[in-house]
């Protein structure tokens, strides 16, 4: 049996897709050896070991890798997550931060997000539109961190960030995910972030169509719409 199918059968993960991500991320061992191919044939005679948190949304591992490289999330942080999708960012950040609030527009993700919120005391989720909802409904107090991972064109995503930026504390941190069809607009995006009073600290480019920009809000800066 294929290794990815075996992990699902043994209820180590909920889906073949998650099994494949776990395998390619080096989280699965067969007879003591890390296996990176989901097609590896295994049987009940093999000893299968998996690391903790193997059955998590893709965003969990994405944010974990960002945190490992940048340390952008601090204990005690209050975080606002725009575009929570399957809840991976929420789940990972909740293990470090004091509180994480997710905002998601799509109805299809809400059952899973509500389930995550019920099982984590420091996570809340809201179904709403980040383009139009009142800022007071997003947060009643300034936040330390904003994650912006909404699925729109890069400059439209930055427009949303500009709208929400008044909620970010001076010196607060931003994770801006840019879904780029190519790299030609990256400089335009980073220049726009600078205009908003943000200083870029890291630019991570792990995937062809995504770039992660970690920035800090300059003290006494104001977002320019």
Protein backbone atom coordinates (compact mmCIF):
# COMPACT_ATOMS: atom_id res chain seq x y z
CA UNK A 1 0.00 0.00 0.00
CA UNK A 2 1.19 3.53 -0.72
CA UNK A 3 2.52 5.36 2.32
CA UNK A 4 0.04 8.25 1.99
CA UNK A 5 -2.90 5.85 1.75
CA UNK A 6 -1.57 3.85 4.72
CA UNK A 7 -1.45 6.98 6.91
CA UNK A 8 -5.10 7.70 6.11
CA UNK A 9 -6.14 4.09 6.74
CA UNK A 10 -4.38 4.14 10.12
CA UNK A 11 -6.15 7.44 10.94
CA UNK A 12 -2.87 9.31 11.30
CA UNK A 13 -4.26 12.01 9.00
CA UNK A 14 -7.68 12.91 7.64
CA UNK A 15 -6.83 13.02 3.94
CA UNK A 16 -4.34 11.89 1.31
CA UNK A 17 -3.45 15.53 0.62
CA UNK A 18 -2.38 16.12 4.22
CA UNK A 19 -0.51 12.82 4.23
CA UNK A 20 1.41 13.84 1.13
CA UNK A 21 2.35 17.22 2.62
CA UNK A 22 3.53 15.56 5.82
CA UNK A 23 5.66 13.10 3.88
CA UNK A 24 7.29 15.72 1.63
CA UNK A 25 7.98 17.86 4.72
CA UNK A 26 9.99 15.01 6.24
CA UNK A 27 7.56 14.30 9.08
CA UNK A 28 7.18 10.57 8.46
CA UNK A 29 9.65 7.76 9.13
CA UNK A 30 9.45 4.18 7.92
CA UNK A 31 11.56 1.74 9.91
CA UNK A 32 13.54 4.64 11.33
CA UNK A 33 14.25 6.34 8.00
CA UNK A 34 12.65 9.59 6.79
CA UNK A 35 10.69 8.90 3.61
CA UNK A 36 9.95 11.77 1.22
CA UNK A 37 7.92 9.88 -1.41
CA UNK A 38 4.20 9.38 -0.85
CA UNK A 39 4.24 6.47 -3.30
CA UNK A 40 6.58 4.40 -1.12
CA UNK A 41 5.06 0.94 -0.64
CA UNK A 42 4.56 -0.09 2.99
CA UNK A 43 2.75 -2.77 4.93
CA UNK A 44 1.68 -3.67 8.44
CA UNK A 45 5.10 -5.17 9.08
CA UNK A 46 6.73 -1.73 8.74
CA UNK A 47 7.15 0.58 11.72
CA UNK A 48 5.61 3.94 10.83
CA UNK A 49 6.49 6.97 12.95
CA UNK A 50 4.96 10.40 12.52
CA UNK A 51 5.80 13.68 14.22
CA UNK A 52 3.22 15.54 16.27
CA UNK A 53 0.87 17.95 14.49
CA UNK A 54 0.99 15.94 11.29
CA UNK A 55 -2.76 16.25 10.70
CA UNK A 56 -3.05 20.02 10.45
CA UNK A 57 -4.06 22.43 7.67
CA UNK A 58 -1.32 23.46 5.23
CA UNK A 59 -1.24 26.94 6.75
CA UNK A 60 -0.06 25.51 10.06
CA UNK A 61 3.22 24.29 8.57
CA UNK A 62 3.52 27.43 6.45
CA UNK A 63 3.36 29.66 9.52
CA UNK A 64 5.56 27.33 11.55
CA UNK A 65 8.29 27.64 8.93
CA UNK A 66 7.91 31.43 8.92
CA UNK A 67 8.09 31.54 12.71
CA UNK A 68 11.16 29.29 12.77
CA UNK A 69 12.94 31.70 10.42
CA UNK A 70 11.76 35.04 11.80
CA UNK A 71 10.37 34.65 15.32
CA UNK A 72 7.67 37.18 14.46
CA UNK A 73 5.08 35.85 16.96
CA UNK A 74 5.77 36.67 20.62
CA UNK A 75 4.22 35.28 23.81
CA UNK A 76 1.37 37.52 24.92
CA UNK A 77 0.56 38.77 21.41
CA UNK A 78 -2.97 39.62 20.33
CA UNK A 79 -3.26 38.66 16.66
CA UNK A 80 -5.75 39.43 13.88
CA UNK A 81 -5.85 36.86 11.05
CA UNK A 82 -7.43 38.08 7.79
CA UNK A 83 -8.52 35.23 5.54
CA UNK A 84 -8.32 32.29 7.93
CA UNK A 85 -9.35 29.63 5.36
CA UNK A 86 -8.89 26.20 6.98
CA UNK A 87 -7.44 27.66 10.18
CA UNK A 88 -3.79 26.68 9.97
CA UNK A 89 -2.49 30.11 10.98
CA UNK A 90 -4.96 30.24 13.87
CA UNK A 91 -3.93 26.85 15.20
CA UNK A 92 -0.19 27.50 15.08
CA UNK A 93 -0.32 31.05 16.42
CA UNK A 94 -2.58 30.04 19.32
CA UNK A 95 0.25 27.95 20.73
CA UNK A 96 2.33 31.11 21.28
CA UNK A 97 0.02 34.12 21.36
CA UNK A 98 -2.42 35.21 24.05
CA UNK A 99 -5.33 35.45 21.63
CA UNK A 100 -5.94 35.04 17.90
CA UNK A 101 -9.04 36.25 16.04
CA UNK A 102 -9.78 34.97 12.55
CA UNK A 103 -11.98 36.60 9.92
CA UNK A 104 -13.15 34.50 6.98
CA UNK A 105 -15.56 35.34 4.16
CA UNK A 106 -16.18 31.87 2.70
CA UNK A 107 -18.99 29.82 4.22
CA UNK A 108 -17.27 26.55 3.28
CA UNK A 109 -14.53 27.04 5.88
CA UNK A 110 -16.78 28.02 8.77
CA UNK A 111 -17.64 24.55 10.12
CA UNK A 112 -13.95 23.70 10.46
CA UNK A 113 -13.08 27.14 11.87
CA UNK A 114 -15.88 26.96 14.43
CA UNK A 115 -14.64 23.52 15.46
CA UNK A 116 -11.11 24.89 15.92
CA UNK A 117 -12.43 27.80 17.99
CA UNK A 118 -14.41 25.46 20.24
CA UNK A 119 -11.29 23.42 20.98
CA UNK A 120 -8.99 26.40 21.63
CA UNK A 121 -9.83 28.85 24.41
CA UNK A 122 -7.72 31.62 22.85
CA UNK A 123 -9.18 31.49 19.31
CA UNK A 124 -12.28 33.29 18.05
CA UNK A 125 -13.57 33.34 14.48
CA UNK A 126 -15.99 35.61 12.63
CA UNK A 127 -17.59 35.23 9.21
CA UNK A 128 -17.48 38.64 7.55
CA UNK A 129 -16.02 40.67 4.68
CA UNK A 130 -12.71 42.36 5.51
CA UNK A 131 -13.33 44.88 2.71
CA UNK A 132 -16.44 46.30 4.37
CA UNK A 133 -16.84 45.24 8.02
CA UNK A 134 -16.33 47.94 10.66
CA UNK A 135 -12.88 48.00 12.22
CA UNK A 136 -14.52 47.98 15.64
CA UNK A 137 -15.97 44.56 14.79
CA UNK A 138 -12.52 43.24 13.94
CA UNK A 139 -10.99 44.24 17.27
CA UNK A 140 -12.00 46.45 20.19
CA UNK A 141 -8.37 47.16 21.03
CA UNK A 142 -5.04 47.51 19.18
CA UNK A 143 -3.36 44.27 18.13
CA UNK A 144 0.29 43.23 18.09
CA UNK A 145 0.22 41.30 14.82
CA UNK A 146 -1.83 41.21 11.61
CA UNK A 147 -1.74 38.20 9.27
CA UNK A 148 -3.06 39.08 5.79
CA UNK A 149 -3.50 35.98 3.64
CA UNK A 150 -6.65 36.76 1.67
CA UNK A 151 -6.98 35.31 -1.81
CA UNK A 152 -7.10 38.40 -4.03
CA UNK A 153 -4.72 40.28 -6.30
CA UNK A 154 -1.58 41.47 -4.42
CA UNK A 155 -2.33 45.20 -4.57
CA UNK A 156 -5.95 44.60 -3.54
CA UNK A 157 -4.68 42.62 -0.56
CA UNK A 158 -2.48 45.57 0.43
CA UNK A 159 -5.52 47.87 0.15
CA UNK A 160 -7.22 45.70 2.77
CA UNK A 161 -4.12 45.91 4.94
CA UNK A 162 -4.16 49.72 4.64
CA UNK A 163 -7.77 49.72 5.79
CA UNK A 164 -7.04 47.52 8.81
CA UNK A 165 -3.67 49.03 9.74
CA UNK A 166 -5.11 51.55 12.25
CA UNK A 167 -5.77 48.52 14.49
CA UNK A 168 -2.05 47.66 14.62
CA UNK A 169 0.01 48.97 17.50
CA UNK A 170 3.01 51.16 16.82
CA UNK A 171 5.89 48.71 16.45
CA UNK A 172 3.43 45.91 15.67
CA UNK A 173 4.19 43.25 13.09
CA UNK A 174 2.59 42.28 9.78
CA UNK A 175 2.73 39.07 7.78
CA UNK A 176 1.62 40.02 4.28
CA UNK A 177 1.16 37.04 1.96
CA UNK A 178 1.45 38.04 -1.70
CA UNK A 179 0.02 35.65 -4.27
CA UNK A 180 2.07 36.66 -7.29
CA UNK A 181 1.53 35.35 -10.84
CA UNK A 182 5.10 36.58 -11.43
CA UNK A 183 7.71 38.66 -9.62
CA UNK A 184 7.20 41.82 -11.67
CA UNK A 185 4.90 43.45 -9.09
CA UNK A 186 6.91 42.52 -5.99
CA UNK A 187 8.80 45.83 -5.86
CA UNK A 188 5.56 47.75 -6.34
CA UNK A 189 4.03 45.85 -3.43
CA UNK A 190 6.96 46.43 -1.08
CA UNK A 191 7.05 50.12 -2.03
CA UNK A 192 3.36 50.37 -1.20
CA UNK A 193 3.99 48.76 2.20
CA UNK A 194 6.69 51.37 2.81
CA UNK A 195 4.21 54.14 1.95
CA UNK A 196 1.90 52.71 4.62
CA UNK A 197 4.57 53.28 7.26
CA UNK A 198 5.86 49.72 7.36
CA UNK A 199 9.50 48.66 7.41
CA UNK A 200 10.13 45.33 5.73
CA UNK A 201 12.29 43.00 7.81
CA UNK A 202 12.08 39.74 5.87
CA UNK A 203 11.00 38.64 2.40
CA UNK A 204 10.61 34.87 2.16
CA UNK A 205 10.05 33.23 -1.22
CA UNK A 206 9.46 29.51 -0.63
CA UNK A 207 6.98 28.94 -3.46
CA UNK A 208 6.71 30.13 -7.04
CA UNK A 209 3.39 31.91 -6.56
CA UNK A 210 3.64 33.11 -2.96
CA UNK A 211 5.90 35.58 -1.20
CA UNK A 212 5.80 36.25 2.55
CA UNK A 213 6.68 39.78 3.65
CA UNK A 214 7.26 40.38 7.36
CA UNK A 215 7.17 44.06 8.26
CA UNK A 216 7.00 46.29 11.34
CA UNK A 217 4.82 49.38 11.73
CA UNK A 218 6.97 52.44 12.24
CA UNK A 219 6.36 54.33 15.45
CA UNK A 220 3.83 57.17 15.11
CA UNK A 221 3.12 56.15 11.50
CA UNK A 222 -0.32 56.42 9.97
CA UNK A 223 -1.67 54.33 7.14
CA UNK A 224 -2.34 56.20 3.92
CA UNK A 225 -5.43 54.98 2.10
